């Protein structure tokens, strides 16, 4: 075989083999991200519900959990910042000073979504204190509707007719779930209307915060996501600490900041802290179809666990029908539009 032909074959093999390896790794990472997203979403809701309804002693102080979550989340972001700078503490401090401290105008822009995200985290605890995990999961999918609405208003996004159909299906499905809800085995101290209102407000705050944050990110593409998260975290820490002091200072002085903390509560803080990283990984490695499937699987997992483990859910026919419609709408909304209309559409990041 001529030497030139041998070199060509060797070069071709080097080009082909990494490509096949990259395809395999890409599929592996996508599958891993899907599993992690389902577990993180389901376990956060289930552990929160369990800690609020199956606590042997006095339940934890909600505002302290929100603050501790933001603290751990910020520490994780700082670790990632140092790691991305080859472990150089000096470079990381310099970058933090230049991008966050010395750019107060850009940093202060993140105060709006930080306030809304902090309120949303507190509402999540309130909602799961009054609703079972499955009903919460299904109802919280209304954030797709609010996010779409804010995207049309703030980002001038155009929705395909199929997406409007998905949003209509979503509203019908949630309405069916709320008509009969679920026949819970124990309603002691629970207010379903209050829980529904908490979820509804959280959907509006999550949708607006997500779209507002996406708009800021798109306006300055040169700023990394880690820097944006650190800017966001400054105000999240401030608002969560202020809320903890204002609403729970008496309980904290009486019982202590870690009162009611159990392994389940520590797990909640850990899961919520990595939630933003999981969403970022999903946006990078997955797509809207996988997000829709992850949402559907998470709802099924929550329903099964609420039914058989927590025993606070007895799903009726309207509940099952509404859940199926909501899951179908979630997948339908995330299907790629380019194959249907031959054009590129602007993608919207999922709300936090």
C-alpha atoms as a PDB file:
ATOM      1  CA  UNK A   1       0.000   0.000   0.000  1.00  0.00           C
ATOM      2  CA  UNK A   2       1.453   3.385  -0.934  1.00  0.00           C
ATOM      3  CA  UNK A   3       2.576   5.542   1.962  1.00  0.00           C
ATOM      4  CA  UNK A   4       0.302   8.429   0.964  1.00  0.00           C
ATOM      5  CA  UNK A   5      -2.753   6.140   1.033  1.00  0.00           C
ATOM      6  CA  UNK A   6      -1.715   4.825   4.458  1.00  0.00           C
ATOM      7  CA  UNK A   7      -1.472   8.355   5.813  1.00  0.00           C
ATOM      8  CA  UNK A   8      -4.915   9.173   4.443  1.00  0.00           C
ATOM      9  CA  UNK A   9      -6.436   6.071   6.036  1.00  0.00           C
ATOM     10  CA  UNK A  10      -4.789   6.847   9.374  1.00  0.00           C
ATOM     11  CA  UNK A  11      -6.019  10.419   9.252  1.00  0.00           C
ATOM     12  CA  UNK A  12      -9.543   9.235   8.426  1.00  0.00           C
ATOM     13  CA  UNK A  13      -9.547   6.800  11.335  1.00  0.00           C
ATOM     14  CA  UNK A  14      -8.432   9.533  13.722  1.00  0.00           C
ATOM     15  CA  UNK A  15     -11.296  11.725  12.514  1.00  0.00           C
ATOM     16  CA  UNK A  16     -13.924   8.998  12.659  1.00  0.00           C
ATOM     17  CA  UNK A  17     -13.080   7.405  16.000  1.00  0.00           C
ATOM     18  CA  UNK A  18     -13.296  10.595  18.113  1.00  0.00           C
ATOM     19  CA  UNK A  19     -16.576  11.422  16.384  1.00  0.00           C
ATOM     20  CA  UNK A  20     -18.085   8.059  17.316  1.00  0.00           C
ATOM     21  CA  UNK A  21     -16.737   8.431  20.831  1.00  0.00           C
ATOM     22  CA  UNK A  22     -18.197  11.924  21.106  1.00  0.00           C
ATOM     23  CA  UNK A  23     -21.593  10.697  19.890  1.00  0.00           C
ATOM     24  CA  UNK A  24     -21.575   7.922  22.485  1.00  0.00           C
ATOM     25  CA  UNK A  25     -20.530  10.304  25.257  1.00  0.00           C
ATOM     26  CA  UNK A  26     -23.146  12.848  24.172  1.00  0.00           C
ATOM     27  CA  UNK A  27     -25.929  10.238  24.398  1.00  0.00           C
ATOM     28  CA  UNK A  28     -24.564   9.038  27.741  1.00  0.00           C
ATOM     29  CA  UNK A  29     -24.453  12.563  29.158  1.00  0.00           C
ATOM     30  CA  UNK A  30     -27.957  13.358  27.863  1.00  0.00           C
ATOM     31  CA  UNK A  31     -29.329  10.215  29.515  1.00  0.00           C
ATOM     32  CA  UNK A  32     -27.472  10.972  32.737  1.00  0.00           C
ATOM     33  CA  UNK A  33     -28.761  14.557  32.789  1.00  0.00           C
ATOM     34  CA  UNK A  34     -32.315  13.282  32.231  1.00  0.00           C
ATOM     35  CA  UNK A  35     -32.057  10.852  35.174  1.00  0.00           C
ATOM     36  CA  UNK A  36     -30.507  13.481  37.446  1.00  0.00           C
ATOM     37  CA  UNK A  37     -33.172  16.054  36.524  1.00  0.00           C
ATOM     38  CA  UNK A  38     -35.996  13.605  37.272  1.00  0.00           C
ATOM     39  CA  UNK A  39     -34.462  12.577  40.589  1.00  0.00           C
ATOM     40  CA  UNK A  40     -33.676  16.128  41.660  1.00  0.00           C
ATOM     41  CA  UNK A  41     -37.152  17.431  40.815  1.00  0.00           C
ATOM     42  CA  UNK A  42     -39.060  14.506  42.311  1.00  0.00           C
ATOM     43  CA  UNK A  43     -36.963  14.080  45.449  1.00  0.00           C
ATOM     44  CA  UNK A  44     -37.050  17.802  46.295  1.00  0.00           C
ATOM     45  CA  UNK A  45     -40.845  17.852  46.216  1.00  0.00           C
ATOM     46  CA  UNK A  46     -41.246  14.535  48.024  1.00  0.00           C
ATOM     47  CA  UNK A  47     -38.767  15.311  50.788  1.00  0.00           C
ATOM     48  CA  UNK A  48     -40.357  18.715  51.324  1.00  0.00           C
ATOM     49  CA  UNK A  49     -43.804  17.190  51.554  1.00  0.00           C
ATOM     50  CA  UNK A  50     -42.556  14.476  53.908  1.00  0.00           C
ATOM     51  CA  UNK A  51     -40.752  16.936  56.182  1.00  0.00           C
ATOM     52  CA  UNK A  52     -43.860  19.141  56.497  1.00  0.00           C
ATOM     53  CA  UNK A  53     -46.424  16.387  57.096  1.00  0.00           C
ATOM     54  CA  UNK A  54     -44.522  13.479  58.691  1.00  0.00           C
ATOM     55  CA  UNK A  55     -42.343  15.328  61.174  1.00  0.00           C
ATOM     56  CA  UNK A  56     -42.292  13.745  64.633  1.00  0.00           C
ATOM     57  CA  UNK A  57     -41.506  17.023  66.386  1.00  0.00           C
ATOM     58  CA  UNK A  58     -41.977  20.690  65.524  1.00  0.00           C
ATOM     59  CA  UNK A  59     -41.352  21.268  61.796  1.00  0.00           C
ATOM     60  CA  UNK A  60     -38.424  23.380  60.679  1.00  0.00           C
ATOM     61  CA  UNK A  61     -38.585  27.147  60.240  1.00  0.00           C
ATOM     62  CA  UNK A  62     -39.129  27.601  56.460  1.00  0.00           C
ATOM     63  CA  UNK A  63     -37.218  30.875  56.070  1.00  0.00           C
ATOM     64  CA  UNK A  64     -34.058  29.329  57.551  1.00  0.00           C
ATOM     65  CA  UNK A  65     -34.145  26.551  54.955  1.00  0.00           C
ATOM     66  CA  UNK A  66     -34.415  29.093  52.141  1.00  0.00           C
ATOM     67  CA  UNK A  67     -31.456  31.056  53.542  1.00  0.00           C
ATOM     68  CA  UNK A  68     -29.293  27.956  54.072  1.00  0.00           C
ATOM     69  CA  UNK A  69     -30.092  26.827  50.547  1.00  0.00           C
ATOM     70  CA  UNK A  70     -28.893  30.145  49.122  1.00  0.00           C
ATOM     71  CA  UNK A  71     -25.719  29.958  51.247  1.00  0.00           C
ATOM     72  CA  UNK A  72     -24.820  26.482  49.991  1.00  0.00           C
ATOM     73  CA  UNK A  73     -25.720  27.444  46.429  1.00  0.00           C
ATOM     74  CA  UNK A  74     -23.397  30.451  46.571  1.00  0.00           C
ATOM     75  CA  UNK A  75     -20.556  28.355  47.990  1.00  0.00           C
ATOM     76  CA  UNK A  76     -20.964  25.886  45.110  1.00  0.00           C
ATOM     77  CA  UNK A  77     -20.840  28.728  42.574  1.00  0.00           C
ATOM     78  CA  UNK A  78     -17.655  30.069  44.183  1.00  0.00           C
ATOM     79  CA  UNK A  79     -16.080  26.625  43.987  1.00  0.00           C
ATOM     80  CA  UNK A  80     -16.966  26.393  40.294  1.00  0.00           C
ATOM     81  CA  UNK A  81     -15.500  29.870  39.748  1.00  0.00           C
ATOM     82  CA  UNK A  82     -12.195  28.831  41.318  1.00  0.00           C
ATOM     83  CA  UNK A  83     -12.172  25.561  39.383  1.00  0.00           C
ATOM     84  CA  UNK A  84     -12.818  27.344  36.074  1.00  0.00           C
ATOM     85  CA  UNK A  85      -9.772  29.539  36.771  1.00  0.00           C
ATOM     86  CA  UNK A  86      -7.462  26.521  37.085  1.00  0.00           C
ATOM     87  CA  UNK A  87      -7.739  26.575  40.867  1.00  0.00           C
ATOM     88  CA  UNK A  88      -6.180  30.029  41.126  1.00  0.00           C
ATOM     89  CA  UNK A  89      -7.638  31.830  44.136  1.00  0.00           C
ATOM     90  CA  UNK A  90      -6.010  35.140  43.106  1.00  0.00           C
ATOM     91  CA  UNK A  91      -7.508  35.044  39.587  1.00  0.00           C
ATOM     92  CA  UNK A  92     -10.912  34.156  41.004  1.00  0.00           C
ATOM     93  CA  UNK A  93     -10.880  37.037  43.485  1.00  0.00           C
ATOM     94  CA  UNK A  94      -9.771  39.438  40.744  1.00  0.00           C
ATOM     95  CA  UNK A  95     -12.520  38.232  38.411  1.00  0.00           C
ATOM     96  CA  UNK A  96     -15.108  38.468  41.189  1.00  0.00           C
ATOM     97  CA  UNK A  97     -14.046  42.041  41.960  1.00  0.00           C
ATOM     98  CA  UNK A  98     -13.988  43.145  38.312  1.00  0.00           C
ATOM     99  CA  UNK A  99     -17.242  41.502  37.222  1.00  0.00           C
ATOM    100  CA  UNK A 100     -19.413  41.872  40.328  1.00  0.00           C
ATOM    101  CA  UNK A 101     -18.147  44.537  42.713  1.00  0.00           C
ATOM    102  CA  UNK A 102     -16.874  47.007  40.110  1.00  0.00           C
ATOM    103  CA  UNK A 103     -19.978  46.638  37.928  1.00  0.00           C
ATOM    104  CA  UNK A 104     -22.722  47.661  40.348  1.00  0.00           C
ATOM    105  CA  UNK A 105     -25.222  48.595  37.632  1.00  0.00           C
ATOM    106  CA  UNK A 106     -25.155  45.119  36.042  1.00  0.00           C
ATOM    107  CA  UNK A 107     -25.178  43.457  39.447  1.00  0.00           C
ATOM    108  CA  UNK A 108     -28.162  45.491  40.670  1.00  0.00           C
ATOM    109  CA  UNK A 109     -30.145  44.422  37.595  1.00  0.00           C
ATOM    110  CA  UNK A 110     -30.242  40.916  39.094  1.00  0.00           C
ATOM    111  CA  UNK A 111     -32.087  42.180  42.184  1.00  0.00           C
ATOM    112  CA  UNK A 112     -35.480  41.720  40.482  1.00  0.00           C
ATOM    113  CA  UNK A 113     -35.199  37.988  39.647  1.00  0.00           C
ATOM    114  CA  UNK A 114     -33.393  37.343  42.957  1.00  0.00           C
ATOM    115  CA  UNK A 115     -36.330  38.771  44.897  1.00  0.00           C
ATOM    116  CA  UNK A 116     -38.814  36.726  42.884  1.00  0.00           C
ATOM    117  CA  UNK A 117     -36.802  33.517  43.222  1.00  0.00           C
ATOM    118  CA  UNK A 118     -36.567  33.987  46.996  1.00  0.00           C
ATOM    119  CA  UNK A 119     -40.323  34.504  47.206  1.00  0.00           C
ATOM    120  CA  UNK A 120     -40.855  31.446  45.016  1.00  0.00           C
ATOM    121  CA  UNK A 121     -38.760  29.225  47.301  1.00  0.00           C
ATOM    122  CA  UNK A 122     -40.810  30.289  50.313  1.00  0.00           C
ATOM    123  CA  UNK A 123     -44.043  29.708  48.403  1.00  0.00           C
ATOM    124  CA  UNK A 124     -42.873  26.230  47.453  1.00  0.00           C
ATOM    125  CA  UNK A 125     -42.686  25.257  51.138  1.00  0.00           C
ATOM    126  CA  UNK A 126     -46.081  26.832  51.831  1.00  0.00           C
ATOM    127  CA  UNK A 127     -47.647  24.995  48.894  1.00  0.00           C
ATOM    128  CA  UNK A 128     -46.267  21.594  49.879  1.00  0.00           C
ATOM    129  CA  UNK A 129     -47.504  22.111  53.417  1.00  0.00           C
ATOM    130  CA  UNK A 130     -51.054  22.164  52.013  1.00  0.00           C
ATOM    131  CA  UNK A 131     -50.925  20.053  48.834  1.00  0.00           C
ATOM    132  CA  UNK A 132     -49.750  16.539  48.119  1.00  0.00           C
ATOM    133  CA  UNK A 133     -46.659  16.176  45.946  1.00  0.00           C
ATOM    134  CA  UNK A 134     -48.486  15.034  42.801  1.00  0.00           C
ATOM    135  CA  UNK A 135     -51.066  17.833  42.843  1.00  0.00           C
ATOM    136  CA  UNK A 136     -48.284  20.347  43.396  1.00  0.00           C
ATOM    137  CA  UNK A 137     -46.227  18.933  40.527  1.00  0.00           C
ATOM    138  CA  UNK A 138     -49.121  19.013  38.085  1.00  0.00           C
ATOM    139  CA  UNK A 139     -50.287  22.495  39.085  1.00  0.00           C
ATOM    140  CA  UNK A 140     -46.770  23.914  38.995  1.00  0.00           C
ATOM    141  CA  UNK A 141     -46.590  23.114  35.275  1.00  0.00           C
ATOM    142  CA  UNK A 142     -48.599  26.323  34.802  1.00  0.00           C
ATOM    143  CA  UNK A 143     -45.162  27.960  34.851  1.00  0.00           C
ATOM    144  CA  UNK A 144     -44.936  26.892  31.185  1.00  0.00           C
ATOM    145  CA  UNK A 145     -47.951  29.102  30.480  1.00  0.00           C
ATOM    146  CA  UNK A 146     -46.634  32.091  32.437  1.00  0.00           C
ATOM    147  CA  UNK A 147     -43.154  31.739  30.943  1.00  0.00           C
ATOM    148  CA  UNK A 148     -44.611  31.653  27.437  1.00  0.00           C
ATOM    149  CA  UNK A 149     -46.711  34.733  28.135  1.00  0.00           C
ATOM    150  CA  UNK A 150     -43.786  36.734  29.499  1.00  0.00           C
ATOM    151  CA  UNK A 151     -41.622  35.557  26.569  1.00  0.00           C
ATOM    152  CA  UNK A 152     -44.139  36.987  24.118  1.00  0.00           C
ATOM    153  CA  UNK A 153     -44.279  40.290  26.019  1.00  0.00           C
ATOM    154  CA  UNK A 154     -40.624  40.808  26.997  1.00  0.00           C
ATOM    155  CA  UNK A 155     -38.702  38.863  24.336  1.00  0.00           C
ATOM    156  CA  UNK A 156     -41.174  39.348  21.463  1.00  0.00           C
ATOM    157  CA  UNK A 157     -41.184  35.600  20.943  1.00  0.00           C
ATOM    158  CA  UNK A 158     -43.646  34.156  18.431  1.00  0.00           C
ATOM    159  CA  UNK A 159     -45.379  30.950  19.455  1.00  0.00           C
ATOM    160  CA  UNK A 160     -46.397  28.281  16.968  1.00  0.00           C
ATOM    161  CA  UNK A 161     -50.056  27.272  16.809  1.00  0.00           C
ATOM    162  CA  UNK A 162     -49.094  23.878  18.231  1.00  0.00           C
ATOM    163  CA  UNK A 163     -47.607  25.596  21.266  1.00  0.00           C
ATOM    164  CA  UNK A 164     -50.816  27.560  21.811  1.00  0.00           C
ATOM    165  CA  UNK A 165     -52.677  24.248  21.651  1.00  0.00           C
ATOM    166  CA  UNK A 166     -50.292  22.820  24.254  1.00  0.00           C
ATOM    167  CA  UNK A 167     -50.931  25.793  26.547  1.00  0.00           C
ATOM    168  CA  UNK A 168     -54.695  25.322  26.177  1.00  0.00           C
ATOM    169  CA  UNK A 169     -54.306  21.625  27.022  1.00  0.00           C
ATOM    170  CA  UNK A 170     -52.197  22.609  30.007  1.00  0.00           C
ATOM    171  CA  UNK A 171     -54.916  24.857  31.435  1.00  0.00           C
ATOM    172  CA  UNK A 172     -57.582  22.193  30.880  1.00  0.00           C
ATOM    173  CA  UNK A 173     -55.449  19.550  32.561  1.00  0.00           C
ATOM    174  CA  UNK A 174     -54.716  21.671  35.615  1.00  0.00           C
ATOM    175  CA  UNK A 175     -58.400  22.626  35.859  1.00  0.00           C
ATOM    176  CA  UNK A 176     -59.385  18.939  35.860  1.00  0.00           C
ATOM    177  CA  UNK A 177     -56.886  18.225  38.619  1.00  0.00           C
ATOM    178  CA  UNK A 178     -58.224  21.115  40.697  1.00  0.00           C
ATOM    179  CA  UNK A 179     -61.930  20.276  40.183  1.00  0.00           C
ATOM    180  CA  UNK A 180     -61.800  17.203  42.380  1.00  0.00           C
ATOM    181  CA  UNK A 181     -58.139  17.509  43.312  1.00  0.00           C
ATOM    182  CA  UNK A 182     -57.458  14.292  45.139  1.00  0.00           C
ATOM    183  CA  UNK A 183     -59.167  12.581  47.976  1.00  0.00           C
ATOM    184  CA  UNK A 184     -56.444  12.779  50.578  1.00  0.00           C
ATOM    185  CA  UNK A 185     -56.405  10.411  53.483  1.00  0.00           C
ATOM    186  CA  UNK A 186     -55.456  13.132  55.965  1.00  0.00           C
ATOM    187  CA  UNK A 187     -56.306  16.822  55.598  1.00  0.00           C
ATOM    188  CA  UNK A 188     -55.460  17.876  59.148  1.00  0.00           C
ATOM    189  CA  UNK A 189     -54.245  21.451  59.194  1.00  0.00           C
ATOM    190  CA  UNK A 190     -54.151  21.697  55.390  1.00  0.00           C
ATOM    191  CA  UNK A 191     -55.720  24.397  53.270  1.00  0.00           C
ATOM    192  CA  UNK A 192     -55.869  23.299  49.624  1.00  0.00           C
ATOM    193  CA  UNK A 193     -57.010  26.713  48.397  1.00  0.00           C
ATOM    194  CA  UNK A 194     -54.050  28.359  50.118  1.00  0.00           C
ATOM    195  CA  UNK A 195     -51.740  25.765  48.598  1.00  0.00           C
ATOM    196  CA  UNK A 196     -53.161  26.365  45.119  1.00  0.00           C
ATOM    197  CA  UNK A 197     -52.787  30.140  45.497  1.00  0.00           C
ATOM    198  CA  UNK A 198     -49.165  29.672  46.600  1.00  0.00           C
ATOM    199  CA  UNK A 199     -48.422  27.547  43.526  1.00  0.00           C
ATOM    200  CA  UNK A 200     -50.180  30.027  41.235  1.00  0.00           C
ATOM    201  CA  UNK A 201     -48.188  32.997  42.558  1.00  0.00           C
ATOM    202  CA  UNK A 202     -44.994  30.930  42.322  1.00  0.00           C
ATOM    203  CA  UNK A 203     -45.769  30.194  38.649  1.00  0.00           C
ATOM    204  CA  UNK A 204     -46.102  33.893  37.838  1.00  0.00           C
ATOM    205  CA  UNK A 205     -42.975  34.851  39.783  1.00  0.00           C
ATOM    206  CA  UNK A 206     -40.977  31.974  38.290  1.00  0.00           C
ATOM    207  CA  UNK A 207     -42.076  32.783  34.741  1.00  0.00           C
ATOM    208  CA  UNK A 208     -41.251  36.477  34.999  1.00  0.00           C
ATOM    209  CA  UNK A 209     -37.943  35.887  36.795  1.00  0.00           C
ATOM    210  CA  UNK A 210     -36.845  33.275  34.259  1.00  0.00           C
ATOM    211  CA  UNK A 211     -37.624  35.438  31.221  1.00  0.00           C
ATOM    212  CA  UNK A 212     -36.151  38.570  32.842  1.00  0.00           C
ATOM    213  CA  UNK A 213     -32.963  36.642  33.658  1.00  0.00           C
ATOM    214  CA  UNK A 214     -32.769  35.259  30.116  1.00  0.00           C
ATOM    215  CA  UNK A 215     -33.148  38.772  28.685  1.00  0.00           C
ATOM    216  CA  UNK A 216     -30.216  40.001  30.793  1.00  0.00           C
ATOM    217  CA  UNK A 217     -28.081  37.040  29.725  1.00  0.00           C
ATOM    218  CA  UNK A 218     -28.819  37.637  26.029  1.00  0.00           C
ATOM    219  CA  UNK A 219     -28.051  41.345  26.307  1.00  0.00           C
ATOM    220  CA  UNK A 220     -24.506  40.577  27.510  1.00  0.00           C
ATOM    221  CA  UNK A 221     -23.338  37.353  25.938  1.00  0.00           C
ATOM    222  CA  UNK A 222     -19.765  37.932  27.106  1.00  0.00           C
ATOM    223  CA  UNK A 223     -20.667  37.463  30.768  1.00  0.00           C
ATOM    224  CA  UNK A 224     -20.471  33.832  31.859  1.00  0.00           C
ATOM    225  CA  UNK A 225     -23.363  32.031  33.520  1.00  0.00           C
ATOM    226  CA  UNK A 226     -21.296  31.515  36.677  1.00  0.00           C
ATOM    227  CA  UNK A 227     -20.752  35.273  37.040  1.00  0.00           C
ATOM    228  CA  UNK A 228     -24.472  35.858  36.473  1.00  0.00           C
ATOM    229  CA  UNK A 229     -25.328  33.297  39.129  1.00  0.00           C
ATOM    230  CA  UNK A 230     -22.926  34.937  41.571  1.00  0.00           C
ATOM    231  CA  UNK A 231     -24.486  38.327  40.858  1.00  0.00           C
ATOM    232  CA  UNK A 232     -27.907  36.799  41.372  1.00  0.00           C
ATOM    233  CA  UNK A 233     -26.750  35.067  44.543  1.00  0.00           C
ATOM    234  CA  UNK A 234     -25.693  38.322  46.199  1.00  0.00           C
ATOM    235  CA  UNK A 235     -29.285  39.548  46.285  1.00  0.00           C
ATOM    236  CA  UNK A 236     -30.730  36.097  46.919  1.00  0.00           C
ATOM    237  CA  UNK A 237     -28.644  35.948  50.098  1.00  0.00           C
ATOM    238  CA  UNK A 238     -29.703  39.463  51.041  1.00  0.00           C
ATOM    239  CA  UNK A 239     -33.431  38.892  50.482  1.00  0.00           C
ATOM    240  CA  UNK A 240     -33.520  35.456  52.093  1.00  0.00           C
ATOM    241  CA  UNK A 241     -31.623  36.729  55.138  1.00  0.00           C
ATOM    242  CA  UNK A 242     -33.919  39.754  55.421  1.00  0.00           C
ATOM    243  CA  UNK A 243     -36.999  37.552  55.179  1.00  0.00           C
ATOM    244  CA  UNK A 244     -35.630  35.184  57.802  1.00  0.00           C
ATOM    245  CA  UNK A 245     -34.916  38.018  60.234  1.00  0.00           C
ATOM    246  CA  UNK A 246     -38.210  39.835  59.620  1.00  0.00           C
ATOM    247  CA  UNK A 247     -40.576  36.878  59.758  1.00  0.00           C
ATOM    248  CA  UNK A 248     -38.799  34.327  61.957  1.00  0.00           C
ATOM    249  CA  UNK A 249     -36.467  36.183  64.325  1.00  0.00           C
ATOM    250  CA  UNK A 250     -38.626  35.367  67.362  1.00  0.00           C
ATOM    251  CA  UNK A 251     -38.677  31.634  66.560  1.00  0.00           C
ATOM    252  CA  UNK A 252     -34.955  31.634  65.818  1.00  0.00           C
ATOM    253  CA  UNK A 253     -34.078  33.308  69.133  1.00  0.00           C
ATOM    254  CA  UNK A 254     -36.385  30.894  70.949  1.00  0.00           C
ATOM    255  CA  UNK A 255     -35.383  27.623  69.275  1.00  0.00           C
ATOM    256  CA  UNK A 256     -32.260  28.299  67.216  1.00  0.00           C
ATOM    257  CA  UNK A 257     -31.705  28.602  63.493  1.00  0.00           C
ATOM    258  CA  UNK A 258     -31.358  24.836  62.995  1.00  0.00           C
ATOM    259  CA  UNK A 259     -34.497  23.953  64.926  1.00  0.00           C
ATOM    260  CA  UNK A 260     -36.383  21.035  63.378  1.00  0.00           C
ATOM    261  CA  UNK A 261     -33.519  20.100  61.057  1.00  0.00           C
ATOM    262  CA  UNK A 262     -33.531  16.385  60.235  1.00  0.00           C
ATOM    263  CA  UNK A 263     -31.679  14.355  57.580  1.00  0.00           C
ATOM    264  CA  UNK A 264     -34.668  14.995  55.291  1.00  0.00           C
ATOM    265  CA  UNK A 265     -34.308  18.769  55.719  1.00  0.00           C
ATOM    266  CA  UNK A 266     -30.559  18.612  55.036  1.00  0.00           C
ATOM    267  CA  UNK A 267     -31.348  16.607  51.899  1.00  0.00           C
ATOM    268  CA  UNK A 268     -33.825  19.288  50.802  1.00  0.00           C
ATOM    269  CA  UNK A 269     -31.193  22.008  51.173  1.00  0.00           C
ATOM    270  CA  UNK A 270     -28.671  19.958  49.186  1.00  0.00           C
ATOM    271  CA  UNK A 271     -31.139  19.137  46.400  1.00  0.00           C
ATOM    272  CA  UNK A 272     -32.319  22.722  46.022  1.00  0.00           C
ATOM    273  CA  UNK A 273     -28.738  23.991  46.006  1.00  0.00           C
ATOM    274  CA  UNK A 274     -27.750  21.852  43.033  1.00  0.00           C
ATOM    275  CA  UNK A 275     -31.047  22.527  41.249  1.00  0.00           C
ATOM    276  CA  UNK A 276     -29.674  25.502  39.328  1.00  0.00           C
ATOM    277  CA  UNK A 277     -26.647  23.485  38.197  1.00  0.00           C
ATOM    278  CA  UNK A 278     -28.902  20.655  37.036  1.00  0.00           C
ATOM    279  CA  UNK A 279     -31.042  23.078  35.010  1.00  0.00           C
ATOM    280  CA  UNK A 280     -27.883  24.602  33.485  1.00  0.00           C
ATOM    281  CA  UNK A 281     -26.642  21.122  32.535  1.00  0.00           C
ATOM    282  CA  UNK A 282     -30.030  20.328  31.035  1.00  0.00           C
ATOM    283  CA  UNK A 283     -29.973  23.470  28.900  1.00  0.00           C
ATOM    284  CA  UNK A 284     -26.444  22.645  27.708  1.00  0.00           C
ATOM    285  CA  UNK A 285     -26.688  18.909  27.045  1.00  0.00           C
ATOM    286  CA  UNK A 286     -30.402  18.205  26.585  1.00  0.00           C
ATOM    287  CA  UNK A 287     -33.285  19.794  24.713  1.00  0.00           C
ATOM    288  CA  UNK A 288     -36.926  20.714  25.183  1.00  0.00           C
ATOM    289  CA  UNK A 289     -38.115  17.197  24.334  1.00  0.00           C
ATOM    290  CA  UNK A 290     -36.028  15.671  27.098  1.00  0.00           C
ATOM    291  CA  UNK A 291     -37.186  18.392  29.480  1.00  0.00           C
ATOM    292  CA  UNK A 292     -40.789  17.517  28.676  1.00  0.00           C
ATOM    293  CA  UNK A 293     -40.171  13.815  29.211  1.00  0.00           C
ATOM    294  CA  UNK A 294     -38.318  14.566  32.458  1.00  0.00           C
ATOM    295  CA  UNK A 295     -41.278  16.607  33.666  1.00  0.00           C
ATOM    296  CA  UNK A 296     -43.719  13.819  32.806  1.00  0.00           C
ATOM    297  CA  UNK A 297     -41.618  11.136  34.486  1.00  0.00           C
ATOM    298  CA  UNK A 298     -41.194  13.353  37.548  1.00  0.00           C
ATOM    299  CA  UNK A 299     -44.966  13.788  37.839  1.00  0.00           C
ATOM    300  CA  UNK A 300     -45.479  10.026  37.615  1.00  0.00           C
ATOM    301  CA  UNK A 301     -42.810   9.394  40.254  1.00  0.00           C
ATOM    302  CA  UNK A 302     -44.374  11.978  42.571  1.00  0.00           C
ATOM    303  CA  UNK A 303     -47.848  10.499  42.097  1.00  0.00           C
ATOM    304  CA  UNK A 304     -46.678   6.939  42.815  1.00  0.00           C
ATOM    305  CA  UNK A 305     -44.737   8.004  45.909  1.00  0.00           C
ATOM    306  CA  UNK A 306     -47.614  10.144  47.218  1.00  0.00           C
ATOM    307  CA  UNK A 307     -50.028   7.284  46.649  1.00  0.00           C
ATOM    308  CA  UNK A 308     -48.055   4.363  48.064  1.00  0.00           C
ATOM    309  CA  UNK A 309     -45.375   5.847  50.345  1.00  0.00           C
ATOM    310  CA  UNK A 310     -46.714   9.088  51.814  1.00  0.00           C
ATOM    311  CA  UNK A 311     -50.320   7.826  51.552  1.00  0.00           C
ATOM    312  CA  UNK A 312     -51.718  11.348  51.171  1.00  0.00           C
ATOM    313  CA  UNK A 313     -53.151  10.844  47.684  1.00  0.00           C
ATOM    314  CA  UNK A 314     -55.975   8.756  46.274  1.00  0.00           C
ATOM    315  CA  UNK A 315     -56.176   9.787  42.616  1.00  0.00           C
ATOM    316  CA  UNK A 316     -59.619   9.834  41.062  1.00  0.00           C
ATOM    317  CA  UNK A 317     -60.509   9.668  37.334  1.00  0.00           C
ATOM    318  CA  UNK A 318     -60.464  13.454  36.853  1.00  0.00           C
ATOM    319  CA  UNK A 319     -57.085  13.686  38.539  1.00  0.00           C
ATOM    320  CA  UNK A 320     -55.607  10.926  36.339  1.00  0.00           C
ATOM    321  CA  UNK A 321     -57.116  12.442  33.170  1.00  0.00           C
ATOM    322  CA  UNK A 322     -55.862  15.927  34.046  1.00  0.00           C
ATOM    323  CA  UNK A 323     -52.395  14.584  34.845  1.00  0.00           C
ATOM    324  CA  UNK A 324     -52.182  12.795  31.486  1.00  0.00           C
ATOM    325  CA  UNK A 325     -53.257  15.963  29.661  1.00  0.00           C
ATOM    326  CA  UNK A 326     -50.680  18.078  31.509  1.00  0.00           C
ATOM    327  CA  UNK A 327     -47.886  15.595  30.736  1.00  0.00           C
ATOM    328  CA  UNK A 328     -48.894  15.484  27.070  1.00  0.00           C
ATOM    329  CA  UNK A 329     -48.975  19.280  26.917  1.00  0.00           C
ATOM    330  CA  UNK A 330     -45.489  19.499  28.453  1.00  0.00           C
ATOM    331  CA  UNK A 331     -44.050  17.194  25.783  1.00  0.00           C
ATOM    332  CA  UNK A 332     -46.045  18.809  22.963  1.00  0.00           C
ATOM    333  CA  UNK A 333     -44.871  22.314  23.893  1.00  0.00           C
ATOM    334  CA  UNK A 334     -41.215  21.231  23.814  1.00  0.00           C
ATOM    335  CA  UNK A 335     -41.246  19.505  20.417  1.00  0.00           C
ATOM    336  CA  UNK A 336     -38.874  21.138  17.889  1.00  0.00           C
ATOM    337  CA  UNK A 337     -40.546  23.735  15.692  1.00  0.00           C
ATOM    338  CA  UNK A 338     -38.007  23.755  12.836  1.00  0.00           C
ATOM    339  CA  UNK A 339     -39.283  20.434  11.555  1.00  0.00           C
ATOM    340  CA  UNK A 340     -42.839  21.778  11.383  1.00  0.00           C
ATOM    341  CA  UNK A 341     -42.455  25.262   9.999  1.00  0.00           C
ATOM    342  CA  UNK A 342     -38.934  25.228   8.508  1.00  0.00           C
ATOM    343  CA  UNK A 343     -37.747  28.207  10.516  1.00  0.00           C
ATOM    344  CA  UNK A 344     -35.662  28.881  13.570  1.00  0.00           C
ATOM    345  CA  UNK A 345     -37.429  29.977  16.713  1.00  0.00           C
ATOM    346  CA  UNK A 346     -36.014  31.581  19.750  1.00  0.00           C
ATOM    347  CA  UNK A 347     -35.586  29.220  22.686  1.00  0.00           C
ATOM    348  CA  UNK A 348     -36.638  30.238  26.133  1.00  0.00           C
ATOM    349  CA  UNK A 349     -34.762  29.030  29.184  1.00  0.00           C
ATOM    350  CA  UNK A 350     -36.806  27.110  31.700  1.00  0.00           C
ATOM    351  CA  UNK A 351     -37.731  29.011  34.834  1.00  0.00           C
ATOM    352  CA  UNK A 352     -35.757  28.273  37.922  1.00  0.00           C
END
